[in-house]
Each structure stands twice: as structure tokens, then as C-alpha cells.
Amino acid sequence: MSGEMDKPLISHRLVDSDGSLAEAPSEAPKVGILGSGDFARSLATRLVGSGFNVVVGSRNPKRTAGLFPSAAQVTFQAEAVSSPEVIFVAVFREHYPSLCSLSDHLAGKILVDVSNPTEQEHLRHRQSNAEYLASLFPTCTVVKAFNVISAWTLQAGPRDGNRQVLICSDQPEAKRAVSEMAHAMGFMPVDMGSLASAREVEAIPLRLLPGWKVPTLLALGLFVCFYAYNFIRDVLQPYVQEGKNKFYKLPVSVVNTTLPCVAYVLLSLVYLPGMLAAVLQLRRGTKYRRFPDWLDHWLQHRKQIGLLSFFCATLHALYSFCLPLRRSHRYDLVNMTIKQVLGNKSHLWVEEEVWRMEIYLSLGVLALGTLSLLAVTSLPSIANSLNWREFSFVQCVATSSGGNTGSGTSRPVQSQNTNLPALHHQTSFLASQGFCLLTCACVHLMWSSRGCELDTI
């Protein structure tokens, strides 16, 4: 247990010759932790690796001592909170009253609340966990922090997760002390204001993809519309007019025809708001005025819309590879072979269809590869490793326009400090990119309408 746990994560000042953590020097800042759960263990590991002297308070120190790094001192709660000035409270809300016996030892100290309520608790209690802790210990200064950081991020390092630590408290000095600790641990502190903001901060981990609701509904709406159209054209119309039963196409073929249409429309919706923003700035003659709310929200959802476009394109590729595996496709091959035998044809080769299909597949693979590159580089972990020129080159106009126009959404109206030639050049470039995208979409739909799908080979 002590092998991996004892390796320092940031600092190497505490490494012995055998590779384990030595006892922290006495001049190192001393930090206390109340609790012995998974988060407390990860927090102790990160603090020890960052050069802090950690004292862990537990109700049963002998049983939990082996879970913590050897450099961390595990003792009883009263002893753990006696000397440190900053104490992390890593226990559940229902256990806060059990800490009231430590009120005399905690007087005048900084309590860092790292807990998160469940969704039911958040709706049931009007007070946040941090505010409730502050009401129990009025002589202490309570700081809400580290609740949006997972135990995995604390152990694996800030590069493998979100680096932001949201901090709120009523005492600026306490916030400054916790911010310095977050910096020393490799994280980026973000001041969220007074302790009244703790309820909002505690609600952040409870949110389930808040920025994906509108893009997901948009993608589902487009899928339903295109699916209904393809169902009427490819299944219902032949059944009504010719009596052909093609309902077997519903699970695979109709879905496969619908997915590229949805992907193209979503990708167009990624580029379109940047064009509208550039045109609007050019018309106003300034880039320092706020965009309308609908355009502002549209610009903020472009990344989600683009990733959904990539998802639909990937599904389209997978469905296309599965088309020859269908039983109906095998029956079509057998029927085609029988027709050739009855027609006394020994060789069937249509040069135009062969070339059309080869070009169709080649462009499809290239398009999916390009879209994959755009989707991967839009992820924060990948984008942060690129400089601005590299990021702009890969993302092309989707991000170069969004980075300039999107940032203008929060700027107030200022003087006519404009650059009209640059705006005109940007608009022209956006228009040319949009035209190329529209051309590719039209070519794809034209080939699809002429029967170039894989199941017609």
C-alpha cells in the first residue's frame, strides 16, 4: 500500500534514497485533515507531495494509518487540530455535529469544507454545507474549496483533470491562504466571492452536462425530421405506389442515410454563427458591442454541436461498414447472380459506378479523418497543449472566428475602435469556408440520391 502512495506527485524534496517519502521537515507548513475517507487520503497524498506537513485526525488512527502516506501523521482528531491553522473538513454533512466537541481546539482556525451534498440533500437543505459548518463553529473562518476536484485528480495530478479550484469565503485573508495552498498543489484557484456562493459552488458537481441539453435536443430533432423524410421516400412511397415491402430498411439503411444529413447540418451550424457574428460586426462598424442573446448562446454551444456532428459521422461510418453484413444484402447478391446466369452474362462491370463509388468512399474517409482532427483538438486537454497559431490552423475558422467574436460577447459598448478591413477579410474567409462545406454536402447528397450507398454495390 505504501509503494505508490508514498511517491511525491510534485515536489521531490521529501524523497529518501529508497524512493519513499521521508518525514516532512518541521519548518514545512502544517495542515490538518479531519476524516479518513478516499478524498481525505487523496488530499493527504497531494499535500505531502507538495511539501506540506500533514496531520490527519481520525476516530480510529490505528486502523486507518496504513491508508495514508508514511509522511502524514495519523492521530486522534483533537490532537490533529491543535497546531495547524488550516484544517480540511473531509467528512459528510451529517457528521458535522460530532465535531462540536472540538470547538475549543478549532477556535480562530480556518476550516476548509470540501464536502458535496447529494441531489436530495441539496434540494432539502436551504443552507449549503459550508454555511451549515460556519453556523456550528462561529469562532472559525469557513472556506469552501476543492469540492469540484475529484479524488482521482488529486492523486493523478492536475494535468489529468480540471485544474480550477473554486474558492468562496467571507474572509479575504482566509481565501488568500487557501489560494496559496491550491497554487502550491498545482491547481488554479478561482475566487467565487462570499460564502453565500457556496450553495452555487456545491451545485456544480450535481449538474449533468448542462451545456449539452440544447445541442442534444437539436440533434435529436434533426434526426427525427430526416428519418421521417427518408422513411417516406425509401420505405413508405415504394410500399404505397408499387406494393414493395421495404420495412426491413428501418433499423439500418434508413438510419445510415439519416446520419450523414444530420452530421452535415450540425457541422454547418458550427460555422454559421461565426459568419453571422462577423457580418454583424462589419455592419455595426465595431467589435466592442454585445451580440444578441440568441447569437451569444449559439456561439457558446458550437463545441457541443461540433462533437455531436462528429458522433453522427462516426456512427454513419460504422453503419456503412455493417451494410454488407446484412442478410438482405446477401439475398440481393444471390438474386443478382441468378439474373446474370439467366441473362447469360459472364462479366458485369460498370466503369462509371466503380469510379463513382471509389471516389465516394475515399472522400468519405478523408472527411471523417478531418472531422476527427477537429473534434479531438477541440477537447480542452488537447487544446491546452497547442499554441494559438497551431490551434487556429487546426480548427481553422471555427475557432479563430469564435475566439475573437465570442470574447466580444462580454465586452461593453466602446468607442469606434474598429478594424474594418480585417473584419471584411474575416467575413470573406468565413464565406469561402462555408461555401466549400456546402459544396461537399451537396456532392454527398447528390451521390447518395443516385444510389451510391454501399448496399447497392
Protein backbone atom coordinates (compact mmCIF):
# COMPACT_ATOMS: atom_id res chain seq x y z
CA MET A 1 0.00 0.00 0.00
CA SER A 2 2.85 2.35 0.79
CA GLY A 3 4.65 1.90 -2.56
CA GLU A 4 2.71 4.11 -4.97
CA MET A 5 1.10 6.18 -2.23
CA ASP A 6 4.46 7.37 -0.94
CA LYS A 7 5.75 8.74 -4.23
CA PRO A 8 5.71 12.55 -4.38
CA LEU A 9 3.44 14.00 -7.04
CA ILE A 10 5.00 17.45 -7.49
CA SER A 11 7.87 18.11 -5.15
CA HIS A 12 10.92 15.91 -4.86
CA ARG A 13 12.28 17.48 -1.71
CA LEU A 14 10.93 14.70 0.50
CA VAL A 15 12.44 11.69 -1.27
CA ASP A 16 14.70 9.28 0.59
CA SER A 17 17.35 7.15 -1.05
CA ASP A 18 14.94 4.20 -1.11
CA GLY A 19 12.34 6.21 -3.03
CA SER A 20 9.86 6.63 -0.17
CA LEU A 21 8.74 9.86 1.40
CA ALA A 22 10.75 10.97 4.38
CA GLU A 23 9.31 12.84 7.31
CA ALA A 24 8.46 16.38 6.32
CA PRO A 25 10.78 18.98 7.85
CA SER A 26 9.48 20.83 10.86
CA GLU A 27 9.55 24.19 9.04
CA ALA A 28 7.11 22.93 6.40
CA PRO A 29 3.58 24.40 6.66
CA LYS A 30 1.40 22.20 8.81
CA VAL A 31 -2.09 21.30 7.54
CA GLY A 32 -4.75 19.27 9.31
CA ILE A 33 -7.32 16.92 7.79
CA LEU A 34 -10.44 15.69 9.59
CA GLY A 35 -11.61 12.45 8.00
CA SER A 36 -10.14 9.22 6.71
CA GLY A 37 -12.13 8.52 3.54
CA ASP A 38 -10.97 8.29 -0.06
CA PHE A 39 -10.94 12.03 -0.59
CA ALA A 40 -9.01 12.62 2.64
CA ARG A 41 -6.41 10.06 1.59
CA SER A 42 -6.01 11.63 -1.86
CA LEU A 43 -5.85 15.09 -0.35
CA ALA A 44 -3.15 13.99 2.10
CA THR A 45 -1.14 12.45 -0.74
CA ARG A 46 -1.29 15.66 -2.76
CA LEU A 47 -0.43 17.86 0.22
CA VAL A 48 2.54 15.70 1.23
CA GLY A 49 3.81 15.66 -2.35
CA SER A 50 3.53 19.46 -2.42
CA GLY A 51 5.74 19.94 0.62
CA PHE A 52 3.21 20.29 3.42
CA ASN A 53 3.36 18.69 6.84
CA VAL A 54 0.07 16.80 7.08
CA VAL A 55 -1.69 15.71 10.26
CA VAL A 56 -4.76 13.51 9.80
CA GLY A 57 -7.41 13.28 12.51
CA SER A 58 -9.31 10.00 12.71
CA ARG A 59 -11.56 8.33 15.27
CA ASN A 60 -9.55 5.13 14.80
CA PRO A 61 -6.00 6.12 13.82
CA LYS A 62 -4.52 2.64 14.18
CA ARG A 63 -6.92 1.18 11.63
CA THR A 64 -6.58 3.99 9.07
CA ALA A 65 -2.87 4.81 9.40
CA GLY A 66 -1.90 2.35 6.66
CA LEU A 67 -4.12 4.11 4.10
CA PHE A 68 -2.12 7.35 4.21
CA PRO A 69 1.44 8.19 3.13
CA SER A 70 4.08 7.44 5.73
CA ALA A 71 4.99 11.15 5.85
CA ALA A 72 1.49 12.01 7.05
CA GLN A 73 0.87 11.76 10.77
CA VAL A 74 -2.37 9.95 11.61
CA THR A 75 -3.65 10.61 15.10
CA PHE A 76 -6.83 11.38 17.02
CA GLN A 77 -8.97 14.33 15.96
CA ALA A 78 -8.28 16.52 18.98
CA GLU A 79 -4.53 16.19 18.54
CA ALA A 80 -4.73 16.72 14.78
CA VAL A 81 -6.45 20.11 15.03
CA SER A 82 -4.43 21.52 17.91
CA SER A 83 -1.47 23.00 15.98
CA PRO A 84 -2.45 23.53 12.26
CA GLU A 85 -4.01 26.84 11.28
CA VAL A 86 -5.71 25.42 8.19
CA ILE A 87 -7.84 22.31 8.61
CA PHE A 88 -9.64 20.44 5.84
CA VAL A 89 -13.01 19.05 6.90
CA ALA A 90 -13.42 15.90 4.77
CA VAL A 91 -16.49 14.37 6.44
CA PHE A 92 -20.14 14.19 5.44
CA ARG A 93 -22.62 16.87 6.48
CA GLU A 94 -24.43 14.56 8.90
CA HIS A 95 -21.17 14.10 10.84
CA TYR A 96 -20.58 17.83 11.38
CA PRO A 97 -22.31 17.88 14.83
CA SER A 98 -19.90 15.19 16.02
CA LEU A 99 -17.07 17.72 15.61
CA CYS A 100 -18.62 20.18 18.08
CA SER A 101 -16.55 18.65 20.86
CA LEU A 102 -13.51 20.14 19.11
CA SER A 103 -14.85 23.72 19.24
CA ASP A 104 -12.23 24.91 21.73
CA HIS A 105 -9.39 23.50 19.63
CA LEU A 106 -10.83 24.92 16.39
CA ALA A 107 -11.39 28.46 17.62
CA GLY A 108 -9.80 31.03 15.31
CA LYS A 109 -8.71 28.48 12.72
CA ILE A 110 -9.53 28.20 9.00
CA LEU A 111 -11.88 25.32 8.15
CA VAL A 112 -11.87 24.25 4.51
CA ASP A 113 -15.11 22.48 3.65
CA VAL A 114 -14.58 20.02 0.76
CA SER A 115 -17.92 18.16 1.00
CA ASN A 116 -20.62 17.86 -1.63
CA PRO A 117 -24.31 17.18 -0.95
CA THR A 118 -26.39 14.67 -2.81
CA GLU A 119 -29.11 15.97 -5.11
CA GLN A 120 -31.78 15.20 -2.50
CA GLU A 121 -29.79 16.95 0.23
CA HIS A 122 -29.21 19.97 -1.98
CA LEU A 123 -32.95 20.33 -2.57
CA ARG A 124 -33.89 19.61 1.04
CA HIS A 125 -31.48 21.99 2.81
CA ARG A 126 -31.61 25.72 2.21
CA GLN A 127 -28.17 26.19 3.71
CA SER A 128 -25.09 24.95 1.93
CA ASN A 129 -22.77 22.55 3.71
CA ALA A 130 -20.23 25.32 4.20
CA GLU A 131 -22.81 27.69 5.69
CA TYR A 132 -24.05 24.94 8.00
CA LEU A 133 -20.48 24.28 9.13
CA ALA A 134 -19.98 28.01 9.76
CA SER A 135 -23.13 28.10 11.91
CA LEU A 136 -21.79 25.25 14.05
CA PHE A 137 -18.39 26.91 14.51
CA PRO A 138 -18.93 30.70 14.70
CA THR A 139 -15.42 31.28 16.05
CA CYS A 140 -13.85 29.73 12.92
CA THR A 141 -13.43 31.01 9.39
CA VAL A 142 -15.02 28.64 6.89
CA VAL A 143 -13.77 28.43 3.29
CA LYS A 144 -15.49 26.39 0.59
CA ALA A 145 -12.89 24.87 -1.73
CA PHE A 146 -11.75 21.70 -3.53
CA ASN A 147 -15.27 20.28 -3.78
CA VAL A 148 -15.16 20.33 -7.61
CA ILE A 149 -11.85 18.42 -7.64
CA SER A 150 -12.20 14.64 -7.62
CA ALA A 151 -10.09 12.27 -5.58
CA TRP A 152 -8.67 10.89 -8.84
CA THR A 153 -7.50 14.34 -9.90
CA LEU A 154 -5.81 14.85 -6.56
CA GLN A 155 -3.92 11.57 -6.90
CA ALA A 156 -3.17 11.59 -10.64
CA GLY A 157 -2.28 15.27 -10.81
CA PRO A 158 -3.95 18.42 -12.12
CA ARG A 159 -2.87 17.73 -15.72
CA ASP A 160 -5.24 14.75 -15.86
CA GLY A 161 -8.30 16.71 -14.77
CA ASN A 162 -9.76 20.12 -14.19
CA ARG A 163 -7.18 22.48 -12.68
CA GLN A 164 -9.64 25.04 -11.35
CA VAL A 165 -10.36 25.18 -7.62
CA LEU A 166 -13.42 27.27 -6.81
CA ILE A 167 -12.99 29.16 -3.53
CA CYS A 168 -15.50 31.26 -1.58
CA SER A 169 -15.43 32.72 1.91
CA ASP A 170 -16.36 35.84 3.85
CA GLN A 171 -12.75 36.48 4.91
CA PRO A 172 -10.30 37.63 2.19
CA GLU A 173 -7.28 36.56 4.24
CA ALA A 174 -8.61 33.03 4.55
CA LYS A 175 -9.30 32.88 0.84
CA ARG A 176 -5.79 34.10 0.15
CA ALA A 177 -4.27 31.40 2.37
CA VAL A 178 -6.27 28.62 0.70
CA SER A 179 -5.47 30.05 -2.74
CA GLU A 180 -1.76 29.90 -2.00
CA MET A 181 -2.15 26.27 -0.95
CA ALA A 182 -4.01 25.49 -4.18
CA HIS A 183 -1.20 27.12 -6.16
CA ALA A 184 1.38 25.06 -4.29
CA MET A 185 -0.59 21.90 -5.11
CA GLY A 186 -0.56 22.74 -8.82
CA PHE A 187 -4.12 23.97 -9.18
CA MET A 188 -5.63 27.27 -10.30
CA PRO A 189 -7.75 29.00 -7.62
CA VAL A 190 -10.84 30.89 -8.75
CA ASP A 191 -12.43 33.41 -6.37
CA MET A 192 -16.19 32.85 -6.28
CA GLY A 193 -16.97 35.59 -3.75
CA SER A 194 -18.51 35.32 -0.31
CA LEU A 195 -19.63 32.18 1.49
CA ALA A 196 -23.16 32.79 0.22
CA SER A 197 -21.91 31.47 -3.15
CA ALA A 198 -21.17 28.09 -1.58
CA ARG A 199 -24.61 26.75 -2.48
CA GLU A 200 -23.97 27.52 -6.14
CA VAL A 201 -20.48 26.01 -5.96
CA GLU A 202 -21.84 22.84 -4.34
CA ALA A 203 -24.43 22.53 -7.12
CA ILE A 204 -21.75 22.34 -9.84
CA PRO A 205 -20.87 18.64 -9.28
CA LEU A 206 -24.59 17.81 -9.37
CA ARG A 207 -25.09 19.13 -12.88
CA LEU A 208 -25.27 16.58 -15.67
CA LEU A 209 -23.83 18.03 -18.88
CA PRO A 210 -25.54 21.43 -18.56
CA GLY A 211 -24.11 22.71 -21.85
CA TRP A 212 -25.33 19.69 -23.84
CA LYS A 213 -29.09 19.95 -23.35
CA VAL A 214 -29.85 22.31 -26.23
CA PRO A 215 -27.37 20.76 -28.73
CA THR A 216 -28.64 17.25 -27.92
CA LEU A 217 -32.28 18.27 -28.42
CA LEU A 218 -31.27 19.97 -31.67
CA ALA A 219 -29.52 16.82 -32.92
CA LEU A 220 -32.47 14.63 -31.95
CA GLY A 221 -34.89 16.98 -33.68
CA LEU A 222 -32.85 16.94 -36.87
CA PHE A 223 -32.55 13.16 -36.73
CA VAL A 224 -36.32 12.73 -36.36
CA CYS A 225 -37.02 15.08 -39.28
CA PHE A 226 -34.52 13.47 -41.65
CA TYR A 227 -35.51 9.98 -40.55
CA ALA A 228 -39.16 10.71 -41.26
CA TYR A 229 -38.27 12.09 -44.70
CA ASN A 230 -36.09 9.09 -45.59
CA PHE A 231 -38.75 6.71 -44.27
CA ILE A 232 -41.39 8.27 -46.51
CA ARG A 233 -39.08 8.34 -49.56
CA ASP A 234 -37.40 4.92 -49.27
CA VAL A 235 -39.96 2.78 -47.45
CA LEU A 236 -43.47 4.20 -47.43
CA GLN A 237 -43.59 5.52 -51.01
CA PRO A 238 -42.49 2.21 -52.64
CA TYR A 239 -44.98 0.35 -50.45
CA VAL A 240 -47.92 2.59 -51.41
CA GLN A 241 -47.13 3.01 -55.11
CA GLU A 242 -45.57 -0.34 -56.02
CA GLY A 243 -46.57 -2.63 -53.17
CA LYS A 244 -42.92 -3.38 -52.28
CA ASN A 245 -42.28 -4.24 -48.65
CA LYS A 246 -39.04 -2.47 -47.64
CA PHE A 247 -39.72 -2.02 -43.95
CA TYR A 248 -36.61 -4.10 -43.22
CA LYS A 249 -34.60 -0.96 -44.04
CA LEU A 250 -35.80 0.86 -40.92
CA PRO A 251 -33.16 -0.34 -38.40
CA VAL A 252 -30.02 0.07 -40.53
CA SER A 253 -30.43 1.51 -44.02
CA VAL A 254 -32.73 4.42 -43.17
CA VAL A 255 -30.67 5.26 -40.09
CA ASN A 256 -27.48 5.18 -42.16
CA THR A 257 -29.00 7.53 -44.72
CA THR A 258 -30.15 9.91 -41.99
CA LEU A 259 -26.89 10.18 -40.03
CA PRO A 260 -24.77 12.00 -42.67
CA CYS A 261 -27.56 14.54 -43.23
CA VAL A 262 -27.66 15.30 -39.51
CA ALA A 263 -23.85 15.47 -39.35
CA TYR A 264 -23.64 17.95 -42.24
CA VAL A 265 -26.36 20.21 -40.84
CA LEU A 266 -24.77 20.20 -37.38
CA LEU A 267 -21.36 20.97 -38.84
CA SER A 268 -22.87 23.84 -40.80
CA LEU A 269 -24.43 25.14 -37.59
CA VAL A 270 -20.92 25.25 -36.09
CA TYR A 271 -19.62 27.59 -38.79
CA LEU A 272 -22.75 29.65 -39.39
CA PRO A 273 -22.79 31.67 -36.12
CA GLY A 274 -19.19 32.80 -36.71
CA MET A 275 -20.20 34.09 -40.13
CA LEU A 276 -23.24 35.87 -38.69
CA ALA A 277 -21.12 37.39 -35.92
CA ALA A 278 -18.54 38.69 -38.40
CA VAL A 279 -21.25 40.14 -40.66
CA LEU A 280 -22.91 41.78 -37.66
CA GLN A 281 -19.65 43.35 -36.54
CA LEU A 282 -18.96 44.56 -40.05
CA ARG A 283 -22.42 46.10 -40.28
CA ARG A 284 -22.10 47.82 -36.90
CA GLY A 285 -18.60 49.04 -37.67
CA THR A 286 -17.26 47.92 -34.30
CA LYS A 287 -16.41 44.72 -32.49
CA TYR A 288 -16.97 46.10 -28.99
CA ARG A 289 -20.75 45.76 -28.84
CA ARG A 290 -22.53 42.81 -27.37
CA PHE A 291 -24.12 40.24 -29.61
CA PRO A 292 -27.83 39.41 -29.28
CA ASP A 293 -28.58 36.77 -26.67
CA TRP A 294 -29.59 34.14 -29.23
CA LEU A 295 -26.32 34.56 -31.12
CA ASP A 296 -24.31 34.62 -27.91
CA HIS A 297 -25.83 31.31 -26.78
CA TRP A 298 -25.34 29.85 -30.24
CA LEU A 299 -21.63 30.75 -30.19
CA GLN A 300 -21.23 29.17 -26.76
CA HIS A 301 -22.72 25.85 -27.90
CA ARG A 302 -20.60 25.42 -31.03
CA LYS A 303 -18.19 22.94 -29.43
CA GLN A 304 -21.01 20.64 -28.32
CA ILE A 305 -22.69 20.88 -31.71
CA GLY A 306 -19.42 20.03 -33.45
CA LEU A 307 -18.80 16.99 -31.24
CA LEU A 308 -22.34 15.77 -31.93
CA SER A 309 -21.65 16.18 -35.64
CA PHE A 310 -18.53 14.04 -35.23
CA PHE A 311 -20.56 11.47 -33.30
CA CYS A 312 -23.14 11.20 -36.10
CA ALA A 313 -20.41 10.95 -38.74
CA THR A 314 -18.70 8.16 -36.80
CA LEU A 315 -21.97 6.26 -36.46
CA HIS A 316 -22.50 6.69 -40.20
CA ALA A 317 -19.10 5.12 -40.89
CA LEU A 318 -19.83 2.18 -38.58
CA TYR A 319 -23.24 1.61 -40.09
CA SER A 320 -21.72 1.74 -43.58
CA PHE A 321 -19.23 -0.98 -42.70
CA CYS A 322 -22.10 -3.11 -41.38
CA LEU A 323 -24.20 -2.82 -44.53
CA PRO A 324 -22.59 -5.77 -46.38
CA LEU A 325 -23.17 -8.00 -43.31
CA ARG A 326 -26.94 -7.76 -43.56
CA ARG A 327 -28.97 -10.77 -44.64
CA SER A 328 -30.88 -8.63 -47.14
CA HIS A 329 -27.60 -7.67 -48.81
CA ARG A 330 -26.69 -11.34 -49.24
CA TYR A 331 -30.08 -12.04 -50.79
CA ASP A 332 -29.53 -9.16 -53.22
CA LEU A 333 -26.17 -10.64 -54.25
CA VAL A 334 -27.75 -14.05 -54.80
CA ASN A 335 -30.57 -12.56 -56.85
CA MET A 336 -28.08 -10.55 -58.92
CA THR A 337 -26.05 -13.70 -59.57
CA ILE A 338 -29.16 -15.61 -60.68
CA LYS A 339 -30.10 -12.77 -63.04
CA GLN A 340 -26.64 -12.87 -64.57
CA VAL A 341 -26.87 -16.62 -65.12
CA LEU A 342 -30.33 -16.40 -66.67
CA GLY A 343 -29.22 -13.50 -68.84
CA ASN A 344 -26.11 -15.43 -69.92
CA LYS A 345 -23.80 -12.66 -68.69
CA SER A 346 -20.35 -13.79 -67.64
CA HIS A 347 -18.90 -10.41 -66.79
CA LEU A 348 -20.65 -7.43 -65.20
CA TRP A 349 -18.58 -4.28 -64.82
CA VAL A 350 -19.87 -0.72 -64.97
CA GLU A 351 -16.87 1.60 -65.07
CA GLU A 352 -18.80 4.73 -64.10
CA GLU A 353 -20.31 3.15 -60.97
CA VAL A 354 -16.97 1.71 -59.91
CA TRP A 355 -15.18 5.08 -60.16
CA ARG A 356 -18.06 6.89 -58.50
CA MET A 357 -18.04 4.51 -55.55
CA GLU A 358 -14.25 4.63 -55.16
CA ILE A 359 -14.25 8.43 -55.09
CA TYR A 360 -17.26 8.46 -52.78
CA LEU A 361 -15.57 6.20 -50.24
CA SER A 362 -12.23 7.99 -50.49
CA LEU A 363 -13.73 11.42 -49.85
CA GLY A 364 -15.82 9.99 -47.03
CA VAL A 365 -12.74 8.60 -45.27
CA LEU A 366 -10.86 11.89 -45.71
CA ALA A 367 -13.84 13.88 -44.44
CA LEU A 368 -14.18 11.67 -41.35
CA GLY A 369 -10.45 11.97 -40.69
CA THR A 370 -10.58 15.76 -40.91
CA LEU A 371 -13.63 15.91 -38.68
CA SER A 372 -11.89 13.61 -36.19
CA LEU A 373 -8.93 16.01 -36.06
CA LEU A 374 -11.24 18.96 -35.44
CA ALA A 375 -13.13 17.09 -32.73
CA VAL A 376 -10.02 15.88 -30.91
CA THR A 377 -8.33 19.28 -30.91
CA SER A 378 -11.47 20.91 -29.53
CA LEU A 379 -11.10 18.95 -26.28
CA PRO A 380 -9.63 21.14 -23.51
CA SER A 381 -6.84 18.70 -22.63
CA ILE A 382 -5.62 18.67 -26.25
CA ALA A 383 -6.27 22.35 -26.97
CA ASN A 384 -4.26 23.43 -23.94
CA SER A 385 -1.17 21.69 -25.33
CA LEU A 386 -1.28 23.73 -28.55
CA ASN A 387 -0.27 27.33 -29.02
CA TRP A 388 -2.72 29.77 -30.54
CA ARG A 389 -1.32 29.54 -34.07
CA GLU A 390 -1.43 25.73 -34.05
CA PHE A 391 -4.93 25.72 -32.60
CA SER A 392 -6.14 28.24 -35.17
CA PHE A 393 -4.56 26.28 -38.00
CA VAL A 394 -6.23 23.02 -36.99
CA GLN A 395 -9.58 24.46 -36.07
CA CYS A 396 -9.35 26.91 -39.00
CA VAL A 397 -12.12 29.46 -38.99
CA ALA A 398 -14.33 27.66 -36.45
CA THR A 399 -12.15 28.70 -33.53
CA SER A 400 -10.24 31.68 -34.93
CA SER A 401 -13.54 33.44 -35.53
CA GLY A 402 -15.07 32.17 -32.32
CA GLY A 403 -12.09 33.24 -30.23
CA ASN A 404 -12.43 36.85 -31.38
CA THR A 405 -16.15 37.22 -31.81
CA GLY A 406 -17.03 35.07 -28.83
CA SER A 407 -14.93 37.14 -26.47
CA GLY A 408 -16.77 40.23 -27.61
CA THR A 409 -19.98 38.95 -26.10
CA SER A 410 -18.96 40.16 -22.67
CA ARG A 411 -17.44 43.47 -23.68
CA PRO A 412 -19.45 46.66 -23.23
CA VAL A 413 -20.05 49.23 -25.94
CA GLN A 414 -16.92 51.25 -26.50
CA SER A 415 -15.70 53.84 -28.97
CA GLN A 416 -15.45 53.20 -32.68
CA ASN A 417 -12.14 51.41 -32.29
CA THR A 418 -12.57 49.24 -35.36
CA ASN A 419 -10.61 47.45 -37.99
CA LEU A 420 -12.98 47.23 -40.94
CA PRO A 421 -10.51 45.72 -43.47
CA ALA A 422 -9.74 42.91 -41.04
CA LEU A 423 -13.44 42.31 -40.45
CA HIS A 424 -14.08 42.28 -44.19
CA HIS A 425 -11.26 39.80 -44.75
CA GLN A 426 -12.58 37.62 -41.94
CA THR A 427 -16.08 37.64 -43.39
CA SER A 428 -14.81 36.73 -46.86
CA PHE A 429 -12.75 33.88 -45.44
CA LEU A 430 -15.73 32.59 -43.49
CA ALA A 431 -17.91 32.76 -46.58
CA SER A 432 -15.41 30.81 -48.66
CA GLN A 433 -15.13 28.10 -46.00
CA GLY A 434 -18.88 27.88 -45.69
CA PHE A 435 -19.20 27.62 -49.49
CA CYS A 436 -16.69 24.74 -49.56
CA LEU A 437 -18.58 22.97 -46.80
CA LEU A 438 -21.89 23.44 -48.59
CA THR A 439 -20.39 22.14 -51.85
CA CYS A 440 -19.16 18.96 -50.16
CA ALA A 441 -22.57 18.44 -48.60
CA CYS A 442 -24.34 18.87 -51.94
CA VAL A 443 -21.97 16.44 -53.66
CA HIS A 444 -22.53 13.86 -50.94
CA LEU A 445 -26.31 14.20 -51.10
CA MET A 446 -26.26 14.10 -54.90
CA TRP A 447 -24.29 10.86 -54.95
CA SER A 448 -26.48 9.40 -52.24
CA SER A 449 -29.63 10.22 -54.22
CA ARG A 450 -28.19 8.45 -57.29
CA GLY A 451 -27.91 5.21 -55.40
CA CYS A 452 -24.24 5.21 -54.44
CA GLU A 453 -24.79 3.70 -50.98
CA LEU A 454 -22.80 0.64 -50.06
CA ASP A 455 -25.83 -1.60 -50.06
CA THR A 456 -26.34 -1.04 -53.80
CA ILE A 457 -22.95 -2.45 -54.82
